[in-house]
PDB file of all heavy atoms in Angstrom:
ATOM      1  N   LEU A   1       6.647  19.801 -49.236  1.00  0.00           N
ATOM      2  CA  LEU A   1       6.386  20.242 -47.860  1.00  0.00           C
ATOM      3  C   LEU A   1       7.308  21.394 -47.469  1.00  0.00           C
ATOM      4  O   LEU A   1       6.854  22.398 -46.897  1.00  0.00           O
ATOM      5  CB  LEU A   1       6.570  19.072 -46.896  1.00  0.00           C
ATOM      6  CG  LEU A   1       6.374  19.384 -45.407  1.00  0.00           C
ATOM      7  CD1 LEU A   1       4.966  19.893 -45.148  1.00  0.00           C
ATOM      8  CD2 LEU A   1       6.668  18.157 -44.549  1.00  0.00           C
ATOM      9  N   GLN A   2       8.585  21.272 -47.787  1.00  0.00           N
ATOM     10  CA  GLN A   2       9.516  22.368 -47.481  1.00  0.00           C
ATOM     11  C   GLN A   2       9.183  23.611 -48.290  1.00  0.00           C
ATOM     12  O   GLN A   2       9.278  24.735 -47.786  1.00  0.00           O
ATOM     13  CB  GLN A   2      10.953  21.913 -47.746  1.00  0.00           C
ATOM     14  CG  GLN A   2      11.482  20.950 -46.711  1.00  0.00           C
ATOM     15  CD  GLN A   2      12.991  20.831 -46.739  1.00  0.00           C
ATOM     16  OE1 GLN A   2      13.663  21.451 -47.554  1.00  0.00           O
ATOM     17  NE2 GLN A   2      13.533  20.024 -45.837  1.00  0.00           N
ATOM     18  N   LEU A   3       8.784  23.424 -49.536  1.00  0.00           N
ATOM     19  CA  LEU A   3       8.390  24.558 -50.376  1.00  0.00           C
ATOM     20  C   LEU A   3       7.209  25.295 -49.767  1.00  0.00           C
ATOM     21  O   LEU A   3       7.191  26.532 -49.700  1.00  0.00           O
ATOM     22  CB  LEU A   3       8.041  24.046 -51.780  1.00  0.00           C
ATOM     23  CG  LEU A   3       7.532  25.078 -52.789  1.00  0.00           C
ATOM     24  CD1 LEU A   3       8.620  26.096 -53.102  1.00  0.00           C
ATOM     25  CD2 LEU A   3       7.080  24.382 -54.071  1.00  0.00           C
ATOM     26  N   VAL A   4       6.208  24.547 -49.283  1.00  0.00           N
ATOM     27  CA  VAL A   4       5.019  25.152 -48.672  1.00  0.00           C
ATOM     28  C   VAL A   4       5.383  25.877 -47.386  1.00  0.00           C
ATOM     29  O   VAL A   4       4.930  27.006 -47.137  1.00  0.00           O
ATOM     30  CB  VAL A   4       3.954  24.076 -48.406  1.00  0.00           C
ATOM     31  CG1 VAL A   4       2.818  24.642 -47.562  1.00  0.00           C
ATOM     32  CG2 VAL A   4       3.404  23.541 -49.719  1.00  0.00           C
ATOM     33  N   LEU A   5       6.219  25.257 -46.546  1.00  0.00           N
ATOM     34  CA  LEU A   5       6.588  25.868 -45.267  1.00  0.00           C
ATOM     35  C   LEU A   5       7.363  27.171 -45.470  1.00  0.00           C
ATOM     36  O   LEU A   5       7.130  28.162 -44.769  1.00  0.00           O
ATOM     37  CB  LEU A   5       7.411  24.878 -44.436  1.00  0.00           C
ATOM     38  CG  LEU A   5       6.659  23.659 -43.894  1.00  0.00           C
ATOM     39  CD1 LEU A   5       7.610  22.722 -43.159  1.00  0.00           C
ATOM     40  CD2 LEU A   5       5.514  24.078 -42.991  1.00  0.00           C
ATOM     41  N   ILE A   6       8.292  27.167 -46.420  1.00  0.00           N
ATOM     42  CA  ILE A   6       9.067  28.385 -46.697  1.00  0.00           C
ATOM     43  C   ILE A   6       8.154  29.482 -47.223  1.00  0.00           C
ATOM     44  O   ILE A   6       8.270  30.655 -46.841  1.00  0.00           O
ATOM     45  CB  ILE A   6      10.203  28.085 -47.697  1.00  0.00           C
ATOM     46  CG1 ILE A   6      11.218  27.126 -47.073  1.00  0.00           C
ATOM     47  CG2 ILE A   6      10.906  29.379 -48.112  1.00  0.00           C
ATOM     48  CD1 ILE A   6      12.280  26.640 -48.043  1.00  0.00           C
ATOM     49  N   THR A   7       7.214  29.105 -48.101  1.00  0.00           N
ATOM     50  CA  THR A   7       6.284  30.091 -48.651  1.00  0.00           C
ATOM     51  C   THR A   7       5.376  30.664 -47.563  1.00  0.00           C
ATOM     52  O   THR A   7       5.067  31.858 -47.562  1.00  0.00           O
ATOM     53  CB  THR A   7       5.430  29.445 -49.760  1.00  0.00           C
ATOM     54  OG1 THR A   7       6.288  28.875 -50.753  1.00  0.00           O
ATOM     55  CG2 THR A   7       4.534  30.477 -50.415  1.00  0.00           C
ATOM     56  N   LEU A   8       4.948  29.811 -46.634  1.00  0.00           N
ATOM     57  CA  LEU A   8       4.127  30.304 -45.522  1.00  0.00           C
ATOM     58  C   LEU A   8       4.905  31.292 -44.663  1.00  0.00           C
ATOM     59  O   LEU A   8       4.337  32.271 -44.153  1.00  0.00           O
ATOM     60  CB  LEU A   8       3.646  29.125 -44.666  1.00  0.00           C
ATOM     61  CG  LEU A   8       2.569  28.228 -45.282  1.00  0.00           C
ATOM     62  CD1 LEU A   8       2.259  27.053 -44.364  1.00  0.00           C
ATOM     63  CD2 LEU A   8       1.314  29.025 -45.588  1.00  0.00           C
ATOM     64  N   GLY A   9       6.217  31.026 -44.490  1.00  0.00           N
ATOM     65  CA  GLY A   9       7.056  31.980 -43.775  1.00  0.00           C
ATOM     66  C   GLY A   9       7.114  33.324 -44.478  1.00  0.00           C
ATOM     67  O   GLY A   9       7.116  34.385 -43.842  1.00  0.00           O
ATOM     68  N   LEU A  10       7.122  33.282 -45.815  1.00  0.00           N
ATOM     69  CA  LEU A  10       7.105  34.515 -46.607  1.00  0.00           C
ATOM     70  C   LEU A  10       5.767  35.239 -46.464  1.00  0.00           C
ATOM     71  O   LEU A  10       5.722  36.464 -46.294  1.00  0.00           O
ATOM     72  CB  LEU A  10       7.384  34.182 -48.074  1.00  0.00           C
ATOM     73  CG  LEU A  10       7.354  35.334 -49.078  1.00  0.00           C
ATOM     74  CD1 LEU A  10       8.472  36.323 -48.787  1.00  0.00           C
ATOM     75  CD2 LEU A  10       7.479  34.805 -50.501  1.00  0.00           C
ATOM     76  N   LEU A  11       4.670  34.478 -46.520  1.00  0.00           N
ATOM     77  CA  LEU A  11       3.338  35.080 -46.418  1.00  0.00           C
ATOM     78  C   LEU A  11       3.089  35.693 -45.043  1.00  0.00           C
ATOM     79  O   LEU A  11       2.290  36.625 -44.906  1.00  0.00           O
ATOM     80  CB  LEU A  11       2.271  34.017 -46.708  1.00  0.00           C
ATOM     81  CG  LEU A  11       2.218  33.464 -48.132  1.00  0.00           C
ATOM     82  CD1 LEU A  11       1.203  32.338 -48.217  1.00  0.00           C
ATOM     83  CD2 LEU A  11       1.896  34.553 -49.134  1.00  0.00           C
ATOM     84  N   PHE A  12       3.766  35.161 -44.023  1.00  0.00           N
ATOM     85  CA  PHE A  12       3.549  35.621 -42.653  1.00  0.00           C
ATOM     86  C   PHE A  12       3.923  37.084 -42.472  1.00  0.00           C
ATOM     87  O   PHE A  12       3.274  37.809 -41.709  1.00  0.00           O
ATOM     88  CB  PHE A  12       4.375  34.752 -41.693  1.00  0.00           C
ATOM     89  CG  PHE A  12       4.177  35.088 -40.248  1.00  0.00           C
ATOM     90  CD1 PHE A  12       3.093  34.580 -39.549  1.00  0.00           C
ATOM     91  CD2 PHE A  12       5.077  35.922 -39.580  1.00  0.00           C
ATOM     92  CE1 PHE A  12       2.909  34.894 -38.205  1.00  0.00           C
ATOM     93  CE2 PHE A  12       4.887  36.237 -38.249  1.00  0.00           C
ATOM     94  CZ  PHE A  12       3.802  35.719 -37.561  1.00  0.00           C
ATOM     95  N   ASN A  13       4.952  37.541 -43.196  1.00  0.00           N
ATOM     96  CA  ASN A  13       5.475  38.876 -42.927  1.00  0.00           C
ATOM     97  C   ASN A  13       5.501  39.789 -44.152  1.00  0.00           C
ATOM     98  O   ASN A  13       5.947  40.912 -44.060  1.00  0.00           O
ATOM     99  CB  ASN A  13       6.897  38.765 -42.358  1.00  0.00           C
ATOM    100  CG  ASN A  13       7.327  40.010 -41.616  1.00  0.00           C
ATOM    101  OD1 ASN A  13       6.514  40.684 -41.004  1.00  0.00           O
ATOM    102  ND2 ASN A  13       8.603  40.344 -41.675  1.00  0.00           N
ATOM    103  N   TRP A  14       5.030  39.286 -45.281  1.00  0.00           N
ATOM    104  CA  TRP A  14       5.050  40.080 -46.503  1.00  0.00           C
ATOM    105  C   TRP A  14       3.629  40.341 -46.974  1.00  0.00           C
ATOM    106  O   TRP A  14       2.751  39.502 -46.839  1.00  0.00           O
ATOM    107  CB  TRP A  14       5.854  39.384 -47.602  1.00  0.00           C
ATOM    108  CG  TRP A  14       7.333  39.405 -47.337  1.00  0.00           C
ATOM    109  CD1 TRP A  14       7.987  38.859 -46.280  1.00  0.00           C
ATOM    110  CD2 TRP A  14       8.329  40.022 -48.145  1.00  0.00           C
ATOM    111  NE1 TRP A  14       9.336  39.084 -46.371  1.00  0.00           N
ATOM    112  CE2 TRP A  14       9.583  39.803 -47.511  1.00  0.00           C
ATOM    113  CE3 TRP A  14       8.314  40.741 -49.334  1.00  0.00           C
ATOM    114  CZ2 TRP A  14      10.775  40.267 -48.030  1.00  0.00           C
ATOM    115  CZ3 TRP A  14       9.501  41.197 -49.865  1.00  0.00           C
ATOM    116  CH2 TRP A  14      10.713  40.972 -49.209  1.00  0.00           C
ATOM    117  N   ASN A  15       3.437  41.491 -47.537  1.00  0.00           N
ATOM    118  CA  ASN A  15       2.102  41.903 -47.955  1.00  0.00           C
ATOM    119  C   ASN A  15       1.759  41.343 -49.338  1.00  0.00           C
ATOM    120  O   ASN A  15       2.380  41.705 -50.331  1.00  0.00           O
ATOM    121  CB  ASN A  15       2.034  43.438 -47.982  1.00  0.00           C
ATOM    122  CG  ASN A  15       0.664  43.924 -48.416  1.00  0.00           C
ATOM    123  OD1 ASN A  15      -0.317  43.189 -48.351  1.00  0.00           O
ATOM    124  ND2 ASN A  15       0.597  45.164 -48.866  1.00  0.00           N
ATOM    125  N   PHE A  16       0.775  40.448 -49.379  1.00  0.00           N
ATOM    126  CA  PHE A  16       0.295  39.886 -50.647  1.00  0.00           C
ATOM    127  C   PHE A  16      -1.176  40.242 -50.848  1.00  0.00           C
ATOM    128  O   PHE A  16      -1.947  39.443 -51.377  1.00  0.00           O
ATOM    129  CB  PHE A  16       0.465  38.361 -50.649  1.00  0.00           C
ATOM    130  CG  PHE A  16       1.875  37.905 -50.919  1.00  0.00           C
ATOM    131  CD1 PHE A  16       2.809  37.881 -49.900  1.00  0.00           C
ATOM    132  CD2 PHE A  16       2.268  37.526 -52.188  1.00  0.00           C
ATOM    133  CE1 PHE A  16       4.104  37.457 -50.131  1.00  0.00           C
ATOM    134  CE2 PHE A  16       3.555  37.105 -52.435  1.00  0.00           C
ATOM    135  CZ  PHE A  16       4.486  37.071 -51.414  1.00  0.00           C
ATOM    136  N   SER A  17      -1.538  41.418 -50.428  1.00  0.00           N
ATOM    137  CA  SER A  17      -2.945  41.818 -50.492  1.00  0.00           C
ATOM    138  C   SER A  17      -3.447  41.980 -51.928  1.00  0.00           C
ATOM    139  O   SER A  17      -4.658  41.994 -52.160  1.00  0.00           O
ATOM    140  CB  SER A  17      -3.146  43.131 -49.732  1.00  0.00           C
ATOM    141  OG  SER A  17      -2.319  44.152 -50.269  1.00  0.00           O
ATOM    142  N   ASN A  18      -2.523  42.112 -52.899  1.00  0.00           N
ATOM    143  CA  ASN A  18      -2.946  42.258 -54.286  1.00  0.00           C
ATOM    144  C   ASN A  18      -3.377  40.926 -54.905  1.00  0.00           C
ATOM    145  O   ASN A  18      -3.886  40.891 -56.026  1.00  0.00           O
ATOM    146  CB  ASN A  18      -1.822  42.865 -55.122  1.00  0.00           C
ATOM    147  CG  ASN A  18      -0.590  41.970 -55.179  1.00  0.00           C
ATOM    148  OD1 ASN A  18      -0.112  41.481 -54.147  1.00  0.00           O
ATOM    149  ND2 ASN A  18      -0.082  41.741 -56.381  1.00  0.00           N
ATOM    150  N   LEU A  19      -3.159  39.807 -54.176  1.00  0.00           N
ATOM    151  CA  LEU A  19      -3.532  38.491 -54.688  1.00  0.00           C
ATOM    152  C   LEU A  19      -4.767  37.984 -53.947  1.00  0.00           C
ATOM    153  O   LEU A  19      -4.851  38.074 -52.729  1.00  0.00           O
ATOM    154  CB  LEU A  19      -2.381  37.495 -54.501  1.00  0.00           C
ATOM    155  CG  LEU A  19      -1.053  37.838 -55.183  1.00  0.00           C
ATOM    156  CD1 LEU A  19      -0.024  36.766 -54.870  1.00  0.00           C
ATOM    157  CD2 LEU A  19      -1.230  37.997 -56.684  1.00  0.00           C
ATOM    158  N   ASN A  20      -5.718  37.430 -54.711  1.00  0.00           N
ATOM    159  CA  ASN A  20      -6.896  36.841 -54.078  1.00  0.00           C
ATOM    160  C   ASN A  20      -6.702  35.330 -53.920  1.00  0.00           C
ATOM    161  O   ASN A  20      -5.642  34.787 -54.266  1.00  0.00           O
ATOM    162  CB  ASN A  20      -8.161  37.153 -54.889  1.00  0.00           C
ATOM    163  CG  ASN A  20      -8.030  36.722 -56.347  1.00  0.00           C
ATOM    164  OD1 ASN A  20      -7.434  35.672 -56.640  1.00  0.00           O
ATOM    165  ND2 ASN A  20      -8.587  37.505 -57.251  1.00  0.00           N
ATOM    166  N   GLY A  21      -7.707  34.657 -53.414  1.00  0.00           N
ATOM    167  CA  GLY A  21      -7.599  33.222 -53.172  1.00  0.00           C
ATOM    168  C   GLY A  21      -7.351  32.425 -54.438  1.00  0.00           C
ATOM    169  O   GLY A  21      -6.594  31.446 -54.434  1.00  0.00           O
ATOM    170  N   LEU A  22      -7.989  32.830 -55.555  1.00  0.00           N
ATOM    171  CA  LEU A  22      -7.801  32.128 -56.820  1.00  0.00           C
ATOM    172  C   LEU A  22      -6.369  32.265 -57.319  1.00  0.00           C
ATOM    173  O   LEU A  22      -5.774  31.298 -57.825  1.00  0.00           O
ATOM    174  CB  LEU A  22      -8.788  32.675 -57.864  1.00  0.00           C
ATOM    175  CG  LEU A  22      -8.820  31.940 -59.208  1.00  0.00           C
ATOM    176  CD1 LEU A  22      -9.282  30.504 -59.019  1.00  0.00           C
ATOM    177  CD2 LEU A  22      -9.718  32.685 -60.190  1.00  0.00           C
ATOM    178  N   ASP A  23      -5.797  33.457 -57.170  1.00  0.00           N
ATOM    179  CA  ASP A  23      -4.401  33.676 -57.571  1.00  0.00           C
ATOM    180  C   ASP A  23      -3.461  32.780 -56.764  1.00  0.00           C
ATOM    181  O   ASP A  23      -2.541  32.165 -57.314  1.00  0.00           O
ATOM    182  CB  ASP A  23      -4.007  35.138 -57.374  1.00  0.00           C
ATOM    183  CG  ASP A  23      -4.755  36.073 -58.308  1.00  0.00           C
ATOM    184  OD1 ASP A  23      -5.151  35.619 -59.396  1.00  0.00           O
ATOM    185  OD2 ASP A  23      -4.946  37.244 -57.943  1.00  0.00           O
ATOM    186  N   MET A  24      -3.690  32.701 -55.467  1.00  0.00           N
ATOM    187  CA  MET A  24      -2.845  31.866 -54.611  1.00  0.00           C
ATOM    188  C   MET A  24      -2.972  30.393 -54.977  1.00  0.00           C
ATOM    189  O   MET A  24      -1.988  29.644 -54.969  1.00  0.00           O
ATOM    190  CB  MET A  24      -3.230  32.070 -53.143  1.00  0.00           C
ATOM    191  CG  MET A  24      -3.064  33.493 -52.639  1.00  0.00           C
ATOM    192  SD  MET A  24      -1.353  34.070 -52.716  1.00  0.00           S
ATOM    193  CE  MET A  24      -0.610  33.057 -51.444  1.00  0.00           C
TER     194      MET A  24
END
């Protein structure tokens, strides 16, 4: 749960447009 929350914080402000849904 903490791993997911921290990662969501990263996704909120960082550009991951090079990754699609399958990559995620």
